[in-house]
Amino acid sequence: MARGLGIAVDLGTTTVVAELVDLASGRVLGVRSDLNPQAVYGADIMRRLRVAGPLTQLIRKKIGQFVAELSGSGRSATSSS
């Protein structure tokens, strides 16, 4: 059986969601969600692919923010931005 904590991330076209999960029980301990910061580059995926470099950095920053918040080094794990 897995032990410890994990982070599950759902990267959608309009939103990004991260859940802190107890790997032993499968219980969700906290959730963070926000609009996908990539949306400033257009609503459709094909348009976003044309500017992939900046998009990668935007989403890495957002996921890093969620990890910090869910791990206790940021705001409350159950709040949303």
C-alpha atoms as a PDB file:
ATOM      1  CA  MET A   1       0.000   0.000   0.000  1.00  0.00           C
ATOM      2  CA  ALA A   2       1.273   3.488  -0.867  1.00  0.00           C
ATOM      3  CA  ARG A   3       2.140   5.799   2.005  1.00  0.00           C
ATOM      4  CA  GLY A   4       2.456   9.540   2.151  1.00  0.00           C
ATOM      5  CA  LEU A   5       0.783  12.295   0.229  1.00  0.00           C
ATOM      6  CA  GLY A   6       0.354  12.998  -3.452  1.00  0.00           C
ATOM      7  CA  ILE A   7      -0.929  15.820  -5.608  1.00  0.00           C
ATOM      8  CA  ALA A   8      -3.347  15.130  -8.456  1.00  0.00           C
ATOM      9  CA  VAL A   9      -3.593  17.876 -11.096  1.00  0.00           C
ATOM     10  CA  ASP A  10      -6.342  18.367 -13.675  1.00  0.00           C
ATOM     11  CA  LEU A  11      -5.208  20.802 -16.357  1.00  0.00           C
ATOM     12  CA  GLY A  12      -8.252  21.851 -18.343  1.00  0.00           C
ATOM     13  CA  THR A  13      -8.628  24.446 -21.058  1.00  0.00           C
ATOM     14  CA  THR A  14     -10.355  26.883 -18.690  1.00  0.00           C
ATOM     15  CA  THR A  15      -9.434  25.731 -15.171  1.00  0.00           C
ATOM     16  CA  VAL A  16      -6.620  24.079 -13.240  1.00  0.00           C
ATOM     17  CA  VAL A  17      -7.422  21.947 -10.177  1.00  0.00           C
ATOM     18  CA  ALA A  18      -4.991  20.352  -7.724  1.00  0.00           C
ATOM     19  CA  GLU A  19      -5.954  17.926  -4.963  1.00  0.00           C
ATOM     20  CA  LEU A  20      -3.799  16.854  -2.027  1.00  0.00           C
ATOM     21  CA  VAL A  21      -4.429  13.119  -1.549  1.00  0.00           C
ATOM     22  CA  ASP A  22      -3.554  10.728   1.285  1.00  0.00           C
ATOM     23  CA  LEU A  23      -2.057   7.870  -0.744  1.00  0.00           C
ATOM     24  CA  ALA A  24      -2.863   5.248   1.900  1.00  0.00           C
ATOM     25  CA  SER A  25      -6.578   6.012   2.209  1.00  0.00           C
ATOM     26  CA  GLY A  26      -7.279   7.834  -1.056  1.00  0.00           C
ATOM     27  CA  ARG A  27      -8.897  10.621   0.961  1.00  0.00           C
ATOM     28  CA  VAL A  28      -8.715  14.130  -0.525  1.00  0.00           C
ATOM     29  CA  LEU A  29      -7.202  16.435   2.093  1.00  0.00           C
ATOM     30  CA  GLY A  30      -7.363  19.721   0.210  1.00  0.00           C
ATOM     31  CA  VAL A  31      -8.323  21.230  -3.116  1.00  0.00           C
ATOM     32  CA  ARG A  32      -7.129  24.319  -4.987  1.00  0.00           C
ATOM     33  CA  SER A  33      -8.611  25.593  -8.234  1.00  0.00           C
ATOM     34  CA  ASP A  34      -8.215  28.628 -10.431  1.00  0.00           C
ATOM     35  CA  LEU A  35      -8.671  29.763 -13.986  1.00  0.00           C
ATOM     36  CA  ASN A  36      -6.036  28.373 -16.336  1.00  0.00           C
ATOM     37  CA  PRO A  37      -3.481  31.205 -16.719  1.00  0.00           C
ATOM     38  CA  GLN A  38      -2.894  30.067 -20.303  1.00  0.00           C
ATOM     39  CA  ALA A  39      -6.323  31.428 -21.274  1.00  0.00           C
ATOM     40  CA  VAL A  40      -4.832  34.894 -21.840  1.00  0.00           C
ATOM     41  CA  TYR A  41      -3.311  33.435 -25.032  1.00  0.00           C
ATOM     42  CA  GLY A  42      -6.669  32.418 -26.468  1.00  0.00           C
ATOM     43  CA  ALA A  43      -9.637  30.193 -25.771  1.00  0.00           C
ATOM     44  CA  ASP A  44      -8.762  27.414 -28.202  1.00  0.00           C
ATOM     45  CA  ILE A  45      -5.915  24.937 -27.804  1.00  0.00           C
ATOM     46  CA  MET A  46      -4.525  25.338 -31.330  1.00  0.00           C
ATOM     47  CA  ARG A  47      -3.931  29.050 -30.778  1.00  0.00           C
ATOM     48  CA  ARG A  48      -2.190  28.328 -27.469  1.00  0.00           C
ATOM     49  CA  LEU A  49       0.113  25.786 -29.112  1.00  0.00           C
ATOM     50  CA  ARG A  50       1.618  28.566 -31.233  1.00  0.00           C
ATOM     51  CA  VAL A  51       3.043  30.178 -28.073  1.00  0.00           C
ATOM     52  CA  ALA A  52       3.926  27.008 -26.146  1.00  0.00           C
ATOM     53  CA  GLY A  53       7.081  28.339 -24.439  1.00  0.00           C
ATOM     54  CA  PRO A  54       5.438  30.993 -22.253  1.00  0.00           C
ATOM     55  CA  LEU A  55       2.474  28.699 -21.606  1.00  0.00           C
ATOM     56  CA  THR A  56       4.665  26.015 -20.059  1.00  0.00           C
ATOM     57  CA  GLN A  57       6.110  28.510 -17.606  1.00  0.00           C
ATOM     58  CA  LEU A  58       2.671  29.907 -16.723  1.00  0.00           C
ATOM     59  CA  ILE A  59       1.224  26.508 -15.861  1.00  0.00           C
ATOM     60  CA  ARG A  60       4.334  25.371 -13.962  1.00  0.00           C
ATOM     61  CA  LYS A  61       4.101  28.514 -11.830  1.00  0.00           C
ATOM     62  CA  LYS A  62       0.392  27.927 -11.102  1.00  0.00           C
ATOM     63  CA  ILE A  63       0.921  24.257 -10.192  1.00  0.00           C
ATOM     64  CA  GLY A  64       3.879  25.226  -7.997  1.00  0.00           C
ATOM     65  CA  GLN A  65       1.653  27.760  -6.229  1.00  0.00           C
ATOM     66  CA  PHE A  66      -0.981  25.079  -5.608  1.00  0.00           C
ATOM     67  CA  VAL A  67       1.634  22.640  -4.255  1.00  0.00           C
ATOM     68  CA  ALA A  68       2.958  25.294  -1.855  1.00  0.00           C
ATOM     69  CA  GLU A  69      -0.554  26.130  -0.669  1.00  0.00           C
ATOM     70  CA  LEU A  70      -1.638  22.510  -0.277  1.00  0.00           C
ATOM     71  CA  SER A  71       1.548  21.542   1.550  1.00  0.00           C
ATOM     72  CA  GLY A  72       0.977  24.157   4.214  1.00  0.00           C
ATOM     73  CA  SER A  73       3.492  26.752   3.105  1.00  0.00           C
ATOM     74  CA  GLY A  74       0.722  28.896   1.579  1.00  0.00           C
ATOM     75  CA  ARG A  75      -2.922  29.692   2.236  1.00  0.00           C
ATOM     76  CA  SER A  76      -5.600  27.300   3.454  1.00  0.00           C
ATOM     77  CA  ALA A  77      -5.710  24.032   1.497  1.00  0.00           C
ATOM     78  CA  THR A  78      -9.478  24.097   1.089  1.00  0.00           C
ATOM     79  CA  SER A  79      -9.849  27.601  -0.342  1.00  0.00           C
ATOM     80  CA  SER A  80      -9.946  28.549  -4.025  1.00  0.00           C
ATOM     81  CA  SER A  81      -8.412  31.536  -5.777  1.00  0.00           C
END
